[in-house]
Amino acid sequence: MKKTLTILAAITAICLAISCKKGKPQQPVPSPTKTVRFVLYTNADFSTDNDTVSFKLVIRNNAGTIQSRTIFDSTLATRRFKDLPGPLHKLVFEKTVPDDGSILQAGFIYSAWFGVGSRFDTVGVNEKLKVFEYPFQ
């Protein structure tokens, strides 16, 4: 009986020693990303224009292909033309999205009393940061 308890205690001790070893925690592999910085302002004088305009920020992947899909969109608050900032007070928005290796398309869609318009640019496969500056006219 003593021999059995001694063997059982030795096995328990070995099991505890093996199971309690702490290994180095594995660092998560960061997934690649791309960042688009949207910059919106105007050079025009809209100081007397009380009509409103709304802007939407958009990022699409697989630009120019049938598989293109919107991966980010955000509508900005509607504002009056006269309240659009000039070059000294630009509105700046930044969005980081996963990099799936495709060409991205980033831009603004705007709508006002005269209709809907847009302005887009591409983010190349190797570009990690794209600054998309839009001086609205």
N, C-alpha and C. Protein backbone atom coordinates (compact mmCIF):
# COMPACT_ATOMS: atom_id res chain seq x y z
N MET A 1 0.82 -1.18 0.00
CA MET A 1 0.00 0.00 0.00
C MET A 1 0.87 1.25 0.00
N LYS A 2 1.95 1.26 0.83
CA LYS A 2 2.83 2.41 0.85
C LYS A 2 3.50 2.59 -0.50
N LYS A 3 3.85 1.45 -1.12
CA LYS A 3 4.50 1.51 -2.43
C LYS A 3 3.54 2.09 -3.47
N THR A 4 2.28 1.73 -3.42
CA THR A 4 1.28 2.23 -4.35
C THR A 4 1.08 3.74 -4.15
N LEU A 5 1.00 4.17 -2.90
CA LEU A 5 0.83 5.60 -2.62
C LEU A 5 2.05 6.40 -3.07
N THR A 6 3.25 5.82 -2.89
CA THR A 6 4.46 6.49 -3.31
C THR A 6 4.49 6.64 -4.83
N ILE A 7 4.14 5.59 -5.55
CA ILE A 7 4.09 5.63 -7.02
C ILE A 7 3.03 6.62 -7.48
N LEU A 8 1.86 6.57 -6.85
CA LEU A 8 0.78 7.49 -7.22
C LEU A 8 1.18 8.95 -6.97
N ALA A 9 1.86 9.21 -5.85
CA ALA A 9 2.33 10.56 -5.55
C ALA A 9 3.37 11.02 -6.56
N ALA A 10 4.27 10.11 -6.96
CA ALA A 10 5.30 10.45 -7.95
C ALA A 10 4.67 10.76 -9.30
N ILE A 11 3.70 9.97 -9.71
CA ILE A 11 3.01 10.21 -10.99
C ILE A 11 2.25 11.54 -10.94
N THR A 12 1.60 11.82 -9.83
CA THR A 12 0.88 13.08 -9.68
C THR A 12 1.83 14.27 -9.76
N ALA A 13 2.97 14.15 -9.08
CA ALA A 13 3.97 15.22 -9.11
C ALA A 13 4.49 15.46 -10.53
N ILE A 14 4.75 14.38 -11.26
CA ILE A 14 5.24 14.51 -12.65
C ILE A 14 4.18 15.17 -13.52
N CYS A 15 2.94 14.72 -13.37
CA CYS A 15 1.84 15.31 -14.17
C CYS A 15 1.67 16.80 -13.88
N LEU A 16 1.74 17.17 -12.61
CA LEU A 16 1.62 18.58 -12.25
C LEU A 16 2.77 19.41 -12.81
N ALA A 17 3.97 18.85 -12.74
CA ALA A 17 5.14 19.57 -13.26
C ALA A 17 5.04 19.79 -14.76
N ILE A 18 4.57 18.79 -15.46
CA ILE A 18 4.45 18.89 -16.93
C ILE A 18 3.33 19.87 -17.30
N SER A 19 2.19 19.77 -16.64
CA SER A 19 1.04 20.59 -17.03
C SER A 19 1.18 22.04 -16.59
N CYS A 20 2.01 22.34 -15.63
CA CYS A 20 2.13 23.71 -15.14
C CYS A 20 3.21 24.52 -15.83
N LYS A 21 3.88 23.94 -16.80
CA LYS A 21 4.90 24.70 -17.50
C LYS A 21 4.23 25.77 -18.35
N LYS A 22 4.72 26.97 -18.23
CA LYS A 22 4.18 28.06 -19.03
C LYS A 22 5.12 28.31 -20.18
N GLY A 23 4.59 28.26 -21.36
CA GLY A 23 5.38 28.57 -22.55
C GLY A 23 5.27 30.05 -22.86
N LYS A 24 6.08 30.48 -23.77
CA LYS A 24 6.00 31.87 -24.20
C LYS A 24 4.67 32.08 -24.91
N PRO A 25 3.95 33.13 -24.57
CA PRO A 25 2.71 33.38 -25.29
C PRO A 25 3.02 33.75 -26.74
N GLN A 26 2.24 33.20 -27.62
CA GLN A 26 2.46 33.49 -29.03
C GLN A 26 1.90 34.87 -29.35
N GLN A 27 2.71 35.65 -30.03
CA GLN A 27 2.29 36.97 -30.45
C GLN A 27 1.37 36.83 -31.66
N PRO A 28 0.22 37.51 -31.64
CA PRO A 28 -0.64 37.45 -32.81
C PRO A 28 0.04 38.11 -34.01
N VAL A 29 -0.14 37.51 -35.13
CA VAL A 29 0.43 38.07 -36.36
C VAL A 29 -0.47 39.21 -36.80
N PRO A 30 0.08 40.43 -36.88
CA PRO A 30 -0.77 41.55 -37.29
C PRO A 30 -1.21 41.40 -38.74
N SER A 31 -2.48 41.63 -38.97
CA SER A 31 -2.96 41.55 -40.33
C SER A 31 -2.63 42.87 -41.05
N PRO A 32 -2.29 42.78 -42.32
CA PRO A 32 -1.93 44.00 -43.05
C PRO A 32 -3.14 44.93 -43.22
N THR A 33 -2.85 46.21 -43.19
CA THR A 33 -3.92 47.21 -43.32
C THR A 33 -3.49 48.32 -44.27
N LYS A 34 -4.47 49.09 -44.70
CA LYS A 34 -4.26 50.31 -45.48
C LYS A 34 -5.04 51.42 -44.79
N THR A 35 -4.51 52.62 -44.88
CA THR A 35 -5.17 53.77 -44.26
C THR A 35 -5.48 54.80 -45.33
N VAL A 36 -6.71 55.30 -45.28
CA VAL A 36 -7.13 56.36 -46.19
C VAL A 36 -7.46 57.58 -45.34
N ARG A 37 -6.84 58.70 -45.68
CA ARG A 37 -7.11 59.97 -45.00
C ARG A 37 -7.90 60.84 -45.97
N PHE A 38 -9.14 61.15 -45.58
CA PHE A 38 -10.02 62.00 -46.37
C PHE A 38 -9.85 63.44 -45.90
N VAL A 39 -9.62 64.35 -46.82
CA VAL A 39 -9.47 65.77 -46.48
C VAL A 39 -10.47 66.55 -47.34
N LEU A 40 -11.37 67.27 -46.67
CA LEU A 40 -12.43 67.99 -47.36
C LEU A 40 -12.39 69.47 -46.98
N TYR A 41 -12.48 70.31 -48.01
CA TYR A 41 -12.53 71.76 -47.80
C TYR A 41 -12.98 72.39 -49.11
N THR A 42 -13.07 73.71 -49.14
CA THR A 42 -13.42 74.40 -50.38
C THR A 42 -12.55 75.64 -50.55
N ASN A 43 -12.31 75.97 -51.80
CA ASN A 43 -11.63 77.21 -52.15
C ASN A 43 -12.64 78.25 -52.64
N ALA A 44 -13.89 77.81 -52.85
CA ALA A 44 -14.93 78.70 -53.38
C ALA A 44 -15.52 79.55 -52.26
N ASP A 45 -16.11 80.66 -52.64
CA ASP A 45 -16.77 81.54 -51.68
C ASP A 45 -18.27 81.21 -51.66
N PHE A 46 -18.67 80.45 -50.68
CA PHE A 46 -20.08 80.09 -50.50
C PHE A 46 -20.71 80.86 -49.33
N SER A 47 -20.14 81.98 -48.97
CA SER A 47 -20.52 82.70 -47.75
C SER A 47 -21.99 83.14 -47.71
N THR A 48 -22.65 83.23 -48.86
CA THR A 48 -24.05 83.65 -48.87
C THR A 48 -24.99 82.51 -49.25
N ASP A 49 -24.47 81.30 -49.44
CA ASP A 49 -25.29 80.17 -49.90
C ASP A 49 -25.80 79.37 -48.71
N ASN A 50 -27.12 79.44 -48.48
CA ASN A 50 -27.75 78.74 -47.37
C ASN A 50 -28.24 77.34 -47.73
N ASP A 51 -28.09 76.93 -48.99
CA ASP A 51 -28.48 75.58 -49.38
C ASP A 51 -27.59 74.56 -48.68
N THR A 52 -28.08 73.33 -48.58
CA THR A 52 -27.33 72.30 -47.86
C THR A 52 -26.70 71.29 -48.81
N VAL A 53 -25.67 70.65 -48.30
CA VAL A 53 -24.96 69.60 -49.03
C VAL A 53 -24.59 68.51 -48.03
N SER A 54 -24.65 67.27 -48.47
CA SER A 54 -24.20 66.18 -47.60
C SER A 54 -23.12 65.39 -48.33
N PHE A 55 -22.18 64.88 -47.55
CA PHE A 55 -21.06 64.11 -48.09
C PHE A 55 -21.04 62.73 -47.47
N LYS A 56 -20.62 61.78 -48.26
CA LYS A 56 -20.47 60.40 -47.81
C LYS A 56 -19.05 59.96 -48.14
N LEU A 57 -18.33 59.39 -47.17
CA LEU A 57 -17.00 58.83 -47.40
C LEU A 57 -17.17 57.37 -47.78
N VAL A 58 -16.44 56.93 -48.81
CA VAL A 58 -16.60 55.56 -49.30
C VAL A 58 -15.24 54.95 -49.61
N ILE A 59 -15.08 53.67 -49.24
CA ILE A 59 -13.92 52.87 -49.65
C ILE A 59 -14.44 51.56 -50.20
N ARG A 60 -13.98 51.21 -51.38
CA ARG A 60 -14.37 49.94 -52.03
C ARG A 60 -13.11 49.15 -52.34
N ASN A 61 -13.21 47.83 -52.25
CA ASN A 61 -12.06 47.01 -52.66
C ASN A 61 -12.28 46.47 -54.06
N ASN A 62 -11.26 45.83 -54.63
CA ASN A 62 -11.32 45.29 -55.99
C ASN A 62 -11.81 46.34 -56.99
N ALA A 63 -11.23 47.53 -56.91
CA ALA A 63 -11.66 48.65 -57.74
C ALA A 63 -11.65 48.28 -59.22
N GLY A 64 -12.71 48.63 -59.89
CA GLY A 64 -12.79 48.42 -61.33
C GLY A 64 -13.14 47.01 -61.75
N THR A 65 -13.50 46.14 -60.80
CA THR A 65 -13.87 44.77 -61.17
C THR A 65 -15.33 44.50 -60.80
N ILE A 66 -15.82 43.42 -61.30
CA ILE A 66 -17.20 43.03 -61.02
C ILE A 66 -17.37 42.59 -59.56
N GLN A 67 -16.25 42.19 -58.91
CA GLN A 67 -16.31 41.76 -57.51
C GLN A 67 -16.18 42.94 -56.53
N SER A 68 -16.18 44.15 -57.03
CA SER A 68 -16.02 45.33 -56.18
C SER A 68 -17.14 45.37 -55.14
N ARG A 69 -16.76 45.67 -53.91
CA ARG A 69 -17.76 45.82 -52.86
C ARG A 69 -17.34 46.93 -51.90
N THR A 70 -18.31 47.58 -51.32
CA THR A 70 -18.04 48.65 -50.37
C THR A 70 -17.60 48.04 -49.05
N ILE A 71 -16.41 48.45 -48.56
CA ILE A 71 -15.93 47.95 -47.28
C ILE A 71 -16.03 49.00 -46.19
N PHE A 72 -16.30 50.24 -46.57
CA PHE A 72 -16.52 51.31 -45.60
C PHE A 72 -17.33 52.41 -46.24
N ASP A 73 -18.33 52.91 -45.51
CA ASP A 73 -19.02 54.13 -45.91
C ASP A 73 -19.54 54.82 -44.67
N SER A 74 -19.50 56.12 -44.71
CA SER A 74 -19.94 56.91 -43.57
C SER A 74 -20.47 58.25 -44.08
N THR A 75 -21.66 58.58 -43.67
CA THR A 75 -22.26 59.84 -44.08
C THR A 75 -21.92 60.92 -43.06
N LEU A 76 -21.42 62.03 -43.54
CA LEU A 76 -21.11 63.16 -42.67
C LEU A 76 -22.39 63.97 -42.43
N ALA A 77 -22.38 64.74 -41.40
CA ALA A 77 -23.53 65.58 -41.10
C ALA A 77 -23.78 66.55 -42.24
N THR A 78 -25.05 66.75 -42.57
CA THR A 78 -25.43 67.71 -43.60
C THR A 78 -25.06 69.10 -43.11
N ARG A 79 -24.54 69.90 -44.02
CA ARG A 79 -24.14 71.27 -43.65
C ARG A 79 -24.51 72.23 -44.77
N ARG A 80 -24.56 73.50 -44.43
CA ARG A 80 -24.81 74.52 -45.44
C ARG A 80 -23.54 74.77 -46.23
N PHE A 81 -23.71 75.15 -47.48
CA PHE A 81 -22.55 75.46 -48.31
C PHE A 81 -21.68 76.53 -47.64
N LYS A 82 -22.34 77.52 -47.05
CA LYS A 82 -21.57 78.62 -46.44
C LYS A 82 -20.75 78.15 -45.24
N ASP A 83 -21.06 76.97 -44.69
CA ASP A 83 -20.33 76.44 -43.53
C ASP A 83 -19.21 75.48 -43.92
N LEU A 84 -19.03 75.25 -45.22
CA LEU A 84 -17.91 74.40 -45.64
C LEU A 84 -16.60 75.11 -45.29
N PRO A 85 -15.66 74.40 -44.69
CA PRO A 85 -14.43 75.06 -44.27
C PRO A 85 -13.51 75.37 -45.44
N GLY A 86 -12.73 76.43 -45.27
CA GLY A 86 -11.71 76.80 -46.25
C GLY A 86 -10.44 75.99 -46.03
N PRO A 87 -9.40 76.28 -46.81
CA PRO A 87 -8.16 75.52 -46.73
C PRO A 87 -7.45 75.57 -45.38
N LEU A 88 -7.73 76.59 -44.58
CA LEU A 88 -7.08 76.69 -43.27
C LEU A 88 -7.77 75.85 -42.19
N HIS A 89 -9.00 75.37 -42.46
CA HIS A 89 -9.77 74.62 -41.46
C HIS A 89 -10.33 73.33 -42.08
N LYS A 90 -9.52 72.59 -42.76
CA LYS A 90 -9.94 71.38 -43.46
C LYS A 90 -10.56 70.36 -42.51
N LEU A 91 -11.56 69.64 -43.03
CA LEU A 91 -12.10 68.51 -42.29
C LEU A 91 -11.26 67.29 -42.66
N VAL A 92 -10.75 66.58 -41.66
CA VAL A 92 -9.88 65.44 -41.91
C VAL A 92 -10.46 64.21 -41.21
N PHE A 93 -10.64 63.13 -41.97
CA PHE A 93 -11.14 61.87 -41.45
C PHE A 93 -10.18 60.78 -41.90
N GLU A 94 -9.90 59.83 -41.01
CA GLU A 94 -8.96 58.77 -41.34
C GLU A 94 -9.59 57.43 -41.03
N LYS A 95 -9.45 56.50 -41.95
CA LYS A 95 -10.00 55.16 -41.76
C LYS A 95 -8.96 54.12 -42.17
N THR A 96 -8.76 53.12 -41.31
CA THR A 96 -7.87 52.01 -41.61
C THR A 96 -8.73 50.79 -41.90
N VAL A 97 -8.43 50.13 -43.01
CA VAL A 97 -9.19 48.95 -43.43
C VAL A 97 -8.23 47.79 -43.68
N PRO A 98 -8.73 46.56 -43.63
CA PRO A 98 -7.87 45.41 -43.92
C PRO A 98 -7.34 45.47 -45.35
N ASP A 99 -6.11 45.04 -45.52
CA ASP A 99 -5.49 45.00 -46.85
C ASP A 99 -5.62 43.59 -47.40
N ASP A 100 -6.52 43.42 -48.35
CA ASP A 100 -6.72 42.09 -48.94
C ASP A 100 -5.91 41.93 -50.23
N GLY A 101 -5.03 42.87 -50.50
CA GLY A 101 -4.18 42.78 -51.69
C GLY A 101 -4.81 43.33 -52.95
N SER A 102 -5.99 43.90 -52.85
CA SER A 102 -6.65 44.44 -54.04
C SER A 102 -6.45 45.96 -54.12
N ILE A 103 -6.72 46.50 -55.28
CA ILE A 103 -6.71 47.95 -55.46
C ILE A 103 -7.98 48.50 -54.83
N LEU A 104 -7.83 49.53 -54.02
CA LEU A 104 -8.99 50.15 -53.39
C LEU A 104 -9.41 51.39 -54.17
N GLN A 105 -10.65 51.75 -54.00
CA GLN A 105 -11.19 52.98 -54.56
C GLN A 105 -11.75 53.76 -53.38
N ALA A 106 -11.31 55.00 -53.22
CA ALA A 106 -11.75 55.82 -52.09
C ALA A 106 -12.22 57.16 -52.60
N GLY A 107 -13.25 57.69 -51.95
CA GLY A 107 -13.73 58.99 -52.38
C GLY A 107 -14.93 59.51 -51.64
N PHE A 108 -15.45 60.60 -52.18
CA PHE A 108 -16.60 61.30 -51.64
C PHE A 108 -17.78 61.17 -52.60
N ILE A 109 -18.95 60.99 -52.05
CA ILE A 109 -20.20 61.13 -52.80
C ILE A 109 -20.93 62.30 -52.14
N TYR A 110 -21.38 63.26 -52.92
CA TYR A 110 -22.06 64.41 -52.34
C TYR A 110 -23.42 64.57 -53.00
N SER A 111 -24.35 65.13 -52.25
CA SER A 111 -25.68 65.40 -52.81
C SER A 111 -26.16 66.75 -52.29
N ALA A 112 -26.81 67.46 -53.20
CA ALA A 112 -27.34 68.79 -52.90
C ALA A 112 -28.57 69.01 -53.78
N TRP A 113 -29.12 70.19 -53.76
CA TRP A 113 -30.32 70.49 -54.54
C TRP A 113 -30.14 70.25 -56.03
N PHE A 114 -28.94 70.34 -56.54
CA PHE A 114 -28.68 70.20 -57.98
C PHE A 114 -28.45 68.76 -58.40
N GLY A 115 -28.35 67.84 -57.44
CA GLY A 115 -28.18 66.44 -57.79
C GLY A 115 -27.09 65.77 -56.95
N VAL A 116 -26.61 64.66 -57.50
CA VAL A 116 -25.61 63.84 -56.81
C VAL A 116 -24.34 63.82 -57.65
N GLY A 117 -23.21 63.88 -56.99
CA GLY A 117 -21.92 63.80 -57.69
C GLY A 117 -20.93 63.00 -56.85
N SER A 118 -19.79 62.73 -57.42
CA SER A 118 -18.78 61.99 -56.67
C SER A 118 -17.39 62.33 -57.18
N ARG A 119 -16.43 62.00 -56.35
CA ARG A 119 -15.02 62.18 -56.70
C ARG A 119 -14.26 61.02 -56.06
N PHE A 120 -13.60 60.19 -56.88
CA PHE A 120 -12.90 59.01 -56.39
C PHE A 120 -11.47 58.98 -56.89
N ASP A 121 -10.64 58.25 -56.18
CA ASP A 121 -9.26 58.00 -56.56
C ASP A 121 -8.94 56.57 -56.15
N THR A 122 -7.87 56.01 -56.69
CA THR A 122 -7.50 54.64 -56.35
C THR A 122 -6.38 54.63 -55.31
N VAL A 123 -6.35 53.54 -54.57
CA VAL A 123 -5.27 53.27 -53.61
C VAL A 123 -4.58 52.03 -54.15
N GLY A 124 -3.35 52.20 -54.61
CA GLY A 124 -2.62 51.11 -55.24
C GLY A 124 -2.35 49.95 -54.30
N VAL A 125 -2.00 48.82 -54.87
CA VAL A 125 -1.74 47.60 -54.11
C VAL A 125 -0.64 47.82 -53.07
N ASN A 126 0.40 48.56 -53.39
CA ASN A 126 1.52 48.76 -52.48
C ASN A 126 1.41 50.02 -51.61
N GLU A 127 0.36 50.80 -51.77
CA GLU A 127 0.18 52.01 -50.96
C GLU A 127 -0.41 51.64 -49.61
N LYS A 128 0.25 52.04 -48.55
CA LYS A 128 -0.24 51.77 -47.20
C LYS A 128 -1.00 52.96 -46.63
N LEU A 129 -0.71 54.16 -47.15
CA LEU A 129 -1.41 55.37 -46.74
C LEU A 129 -1.76 56.17 -47.97
N LYS A 130 -3.02 56.53 -48.10
CA LYS A 130 -3.47 57.36 -49.21
C LYS A 130 -4.14 58.59 -48.62
N VAL A 131 -3.67 59.77 -49.01
CA VAL A 131 -4.31 61.01 -48.61
C VAL A 131 -5.15 61.47 -49.80
N PHE A 132 -6.45 61.51 -49.59
CA PHE A 132 -7.38 61.90 -50.65
C PHE A 132 -7.93 63.28 -50.29
N GLU A 133 -7.39 64.29 -50.95
CA GLU A 133 -7.75 65.68 -50.68
C GLU A 133 -8.77 66.13 -51.72
N TYR A 134 -9.87 66.70 -51.25
CA TYR A 134 -10.93 67.12 -52.16
C TYR A 134 -11.32 68.57 -51.88
N PRO A 135 -10.85 69.50 -52.73
CA PRO A 135 -11.32 70.89 -52.60
C PRO A 135 -12.64 71.05 -53.34
N PHE A 136 -13.75 70.92 -52.61
CA PHE A 136 -15.09 70.97 -53.20
C PHE A 136 -15.33 72.31 -53.87
N GLN A 137 -15.89 72.29 -55.08
CA GLN A 137 -16.19 73.51 -55.83
C GLN A 137 -17.67 73.65 -56.02
